[in-house]
Amino acid sequence: MVELVEFLVKKLVSDEDSVKVSQEESENGEITIHVEVNPDDMGKVIGKNGKIASAIRTFVKSVSSREHKKVFVKFGE
């Protein structure tokens, strides 16, 4: 799942080397994916009114439901 998010975010930003995607799993099985990018590119990842970030979250939720997992995506620091 991390590779998928990383691929999507790298296609959006100008500085692909600054993209850092990490995964954290809680005790109850929920997975949180943290996305960090260059502050100059944050607007490109979030999008106008958060539409791009919402689309990424929806896509990840769709893929994760097939695996019966609960996955959250958080953008920022």
N, C-alpha and C. Protein backbone atom coordinates (compact mmCIF):
# COMPACT_ATOMS: atom_id res chain seq x y z
N MET A 1 0.82 -1.19 0.00
CA MET A 1 0.00 0.00 0.00
C MET A 1 0.87 1.26 0.00
N VAL A 2 1.99 1.20 0.71
CA VAL A 2 2.90 2.35 0.77
C VAL A 2 3.45 2.67 -0.62
N GLU A 3 3.77 1.64 -1.38
CA GLU A 3 4.32 1.85 -2.72
C GLU A 3 3.29 2.55 -3.61
N LEU A 4 2.03 2.19 -3.46
CA LEU A 4 0.97 2.79 -4.24
C LEU A 4 0.84 4.28 -3.94
N VAL A 5 0.81 4.64 -2.67
CA VAL A 5 0.70 6.04 -2.28
C VAL A 5 1.94 6.82 -2.73
N GLU A 6 3.09 6.21 -2.55
CA GLU A 6 4.33 6.87 -2.96
C GLU A 6 4.33 7.14 -4.47
N PHE A 7 3.88 6.18 -5.26
CA PHE A 7 3.81 6.35 -6.70
C PHE A 7 2.88 7.51 -7.07
N LEU A 8 1.70 7.54 -6.47
CA LEU A 8 0.73 8.60 -6.77
C LEU A 8 1.26 9.99 -6.40
N VAL A 9 1.87 10.09 -5.23
CA VAL A 9 2.35 11.39 -4.75
C VAL A 9 3.53 11.87 -5.60
N LYS A 10 4.42 10.96 -5.96
CA LYS A 10 5.59 11.36 -6.76
C LYS A 10 5.19 11.89 -8.13
N LYS A 11 4.07 11.44 -8.66
CA LYS A 11 3.59 11.94 -9.94
C LYS A 11 3.03 13.36 -9.82
N LEU A 12 2.70 13.80 -8.61
CA LEU A 12 2.11 15.11 -8.40
C LEU A 12 3.12 16.21 -8.10
N VAL A 13 4.24 15.86 -7.49
CA VAL A 13 5.17 16.87 -6.97
C VAL A 13 6.28 17.19 -7.96
N SER A 14 6.95 18.33 -7.71
CA SER A 14 8.10 18.73 -8.53
C SER A 14 9.38 18.07 -8.06
N ASP A 15 9.54 17.95 -6.73
CA ASP A 15 10.75 17.38 -6.13
C ASP A 15 10.45 15.97 -5.64
N GLU A 16 10.64 14.98 -6.50
CA GLU A 16 10.31 13.59 -6.15
C GLU A 16 11.20 13.04 -5.05
N ASP A 17 12.42 13.57 -4.92
CA ASP A 17 13.35 13.07 -3.92
C ASP A 17 12.93 13.43 -2.50
N SER A 18 12.09 14.45 -2.35
CA SER A 18 11.68 14.87 -1.01
C SER A 18 10.48 14.09 -0.48
N VAL A 19 9.91 13.23 -1.29
CA VAL A 19 8.72 12.47 -0.88
C VAL A 19 9.14 11.36 0.07
N LYS A 20 8.49 11.34 1.24
CA LYS A 20 8.74 10.29 2.24
C LYS A 20 7.39 9.72 2.66
N VAL A 21 7.25 8.43 2.48
CA VAL A 21 6.01 7.75 2.84
C VAL A 21 6.35 6.65 3.82
N SER A 22 5.68 6.67 4.97
CA SER A 22 5.93 5.64 5.98
C SER A 22 4.59 5.06 6.44
N GLN A 23 4.69 3.90 7.05
CA GLN A 23 3.50 3.18 7.48
C GLN A 23 3.59 2.86 8.96
N GLU A 24 2.48 2.99 9.64
CA GLU A 24 2.41 2.69 11.07
C GLU A 24 1.18 1.84 11.30
N GLU A 25 1.35 0.74 12.01
CA GLU A 25 0.21 -0.14 12.29
C GLU A 25 -0.10 -0.12 13.78
N SER A 26 -1.36 0.06 14.10
CA SER A 26 -1.78 0.10 15.50
C SER A 26 -2.09 -1.31 15.99
N GLU A 27 -2.35 -1.40 17.28
CA GLU A 27 -2.61 -2.70 17.90
C GLU A 27 -3.89 -3.34 17.38
N ASN A 28 -4.87 -2.51 17.01
CA ASN A 28 -6.14 -3.07 16.54
C ASN A 28 -6.15 -3.34 15.04
N GLY A 29 -5.01 -3.25 14.38
CA GLY A 29 -4.89 -3.60 12.98
C GLY A 29 -5.07 -2.47 12.00
N GLU A 30 -5.35 -1.27 12.49
CA GLU A 30 -5.50 -0.12 11.60
C GLU A 30 -4.12 0.33 11.11
N ILE A 31 -4.04 0.69 9.85
CA ILE A 31 -2.79 1.13 9.25
C ILE A 31 -2.90 2.61 8.93
N THR A 32 -1.88 3.38 9.32
CA THR A 32 -1.82 4.80 9.00
C THR A 32 -0.60 5.02 8.12
N ILE A 33 -0.84 5.64 6.98
CA ILE A 33 0.24 5.96 6.05
C ILE A 33 0.50 7.45 6.16
N HIS A 34 1.74 7.81 6.49
CA HIS A 34 2.14 9.21 6.64
C HIS A 34 2.89 9.63 5.38
N VAL A 35 2.48 10.76 4.81
CA VAL A 35 3.09 11.29 3.59
C VAL A 35 3.70 12.64 3.91
N GLU A 36 4.99 12.77 3.63
CA GLU A 36 5.69 14.03 3.80
C GLU A 36 6.31 14.44 2.48
N VAL A 37 6.10 15.72 2.12
CA VAL A 37 6.68 16.26 0.89
C VAL A 37 7.30 17.61 1.19
N ASN A 38 8.01 18.15 0.21
CA ASN A 38 8.57 19.50 0.32
C ASN A 38 7.41 20.47 0.56
N PRO A 39 7.56 21.42 1.48
CA PRO A 39 6.46 22.37 1.76
C PRO A 39 5.97 23.12 0.51
N ASP A 40 6.85 23.33 -0.47
CA ASP A 40 6.44 24.00 -1.70
C ASP A 40 5.48 23.13 -2.53
N ASP A 41 5.56 21.82 -2.37
CA ASP A 41 4.72 20.89 -3.12
C ASP A 41 3.46 20.47 -2.37
N MET A 42 3.32 20.88 -1.13
CA MET A 42 2.18 20.43 -0.33
C MET A 42 0.85 20.83 -0.97
N GLY A 43 0.80 22.02 -1.55
CA GLY A 43 -0.43 22.47 -2.19
C GLY A 43 -0.83 21.59 -3.37
N LYS A 44 0.16 21.08 -4.08
CA LYS A 44 -0.12 20.20 -5.22
C LYS A 44 -0.70 18.87 -4.75
N VAL A 45 -0.22 18.39 -3.62
CA VAL A 45 -0.69 17.11 -3.09
C VAL A 45 -2.08 17.24 -2.48
N ILE A 46 -2.33 18.33 -1.78
CA ILE A 46 -3.63 18.53 -1.14
C ILE A 46 -4.67 18.91 -2.19
N GLY A 47 -4.32 19.80 -3.10
CA GLY A 47 -5.24 20.21 -4.15
C GLY A 47 -6.21 21.28 -3.68
N LYS A 48 -6.94 21.82 -4.62
CA LYS A 48 -7.91 22.87 -4.30
C LYS A 48 -9.04 22.27 -3.47
N ASN A 49 -9.26 22.87 -2.31
CA ASN A 49 -10.27 22.40 -1.36
C ASN A 49 -10.05 20.95 -0.92
N GLY A 50 -8.82 20.46 -1.02
CA GLY A 50 -8.50 19.11 -0.56
C GLY A 50 -8.98 18.00 -1.47
N LYS A 51 -9.29 18.33 -2.70
CA LYS A 51 -9.86 17.32 -3.60
C LYS A 51 -8.87 16.22 -3.99
N ILE A 52 -7.62 16.57 -4.21
CA ILE A 52 -6.63 15.55 -4.59
C ILE A 52 -6.34 14.64 -3.41
N ALA A 53 -6.18 15.22 -2.23
CA ALA A 53 -5.94 14.41 -1.03
C ALA A 53 -7.12 13.48 -0.78
N SER A 54 -8.31 13.99 -0.96
CA SER A 54 -9.51 13.18 -0.79
C SER A 54 -9.56 12.05 -1.80
N ALA A 55 -9.17 12.33 -3.04
CA ALA A 55 -9.16 11.29 -4.07
C ALA A 55 -8.14 10.20 -3.76
N ILE A 56 -6.98 10.60 -3.25
CA ILE A 56 -5.97 9.60 -2.86
C ILE A 56 -6.50 8.74 -1.73
N ARG A 57 -7.12 9.37 -0.74
CA ARG A 57 -7.69 8.61 0.39
C ARG A 57 -8.77 7.65 -0.08
N THR A 58 -9.63 8.10 -0.99
CA THR A 58 -10.70 7.24 -1.51
C THR A 58 -10.12 6.06 -2.26
N PHE A 59 -9.10 6.30 -3.07
CA PHE A 59 -8.46 5.23 -3.83
C PHE A 59 -7.84 4.20 -2.89
N VAL A 60 -7.12 4.67 -1.88
CA VAL A 60 -6.48 3.76 -0.92
C VAL A 60 -7.55 2.99 -0.14
N LYS A 61 -8.62 3.66 0.23
CA LYS A 61 -9.70 2.98 0.96
C LYS A 61 -10.33 1.89 0.11
N SER A 62 -10.48 2.15 -1.17
CA SER A 62 -11.05 1.16 -2.09
C SER A 62 -10.15 -0.07 -2.20
N VAL A 63 -8.85 0.17 -2.37
CA VAL A 63 -7.90 -0.94 -2.49
C VAL A 63 -7.80 -1.72 -1.18
N SER A 64 -7.78 -1.00 -0.06
CA SER A 64 -7.62 -1.67 1.23
C SER A 64 -8.86 -2.46 1.63
N SER A 65 -10.03 -2.07 1.14
CA SER A 65 -11.25 -2.82 1.49
C SER A 65 -11.23 -4.22 0.88
N ARG A 66 -10.54 -4.37 -0.23
CA ARG A 66 -10.40 -5.70 -0.83
C ARG A 66 -9.60 -6.63 0.07
N GLU A 67 -8.67 -6.04 0.82
CA GLU A 67 -7.82 -6.82 1.72
C GLU A 67 -8.40 -6.87 3.13
N HIS A 68 -9.58 -6.29 3.32
CA HIS A 68 -10.26 -6.24 4.62
C HIS A 68 -9.39 -5.59 5.69
N LYS A 69 -8.78 -4.46 5.31
CA LYS A 69 -7.96 -3.69 6.25
C LYS A 69 -8.47 -2.26 6.29
N LYS A 70 -8.23 -1.60 7.40
CA LYS A 70 -8.61 -0.20 7.55
C LYS A 70 -7.35 0.64 7.44
N VAL A 71 -7.30 1.47 6.41
CA VAL A 71 -6.10 2.26 6.13
C VAL A 71 -6.47 3.74 6.09
N PHE A 72 -5.66 4.55 6.77
CA PHE A 72 -5.81 6.01 6.77
C PHE A 72 -4.58 6.62 6.13
N VAL A 73 -4.76 7.75 5.45
CA VAL A 73 -3.64 8.45 4.85
C VAL A 73 -3.60 9.85 5.46
N LYS A 74 -2.44 10.23 5.99
CA LYS A 74 -2.26 11.54 6.59
C LYS A 74 -1.16 12.28 5.84
N PHE A 75 -1.45 13.53 5.49
CA PHE A 75 -0.50 14.36 4.77
C PHE A 75 0.07 15.41 5.71
N GLY A 76 1.34 15.70 5.56
CA GLY A 76 1.96 16.73 6.38
C GLY A 76 3.08 16.20 7.21
N GLU A 77 3.43 16.99 8.21
CA GLU A 77 4.58 16.65 9.04
C GLU A 77 4.20 15.84 10.23
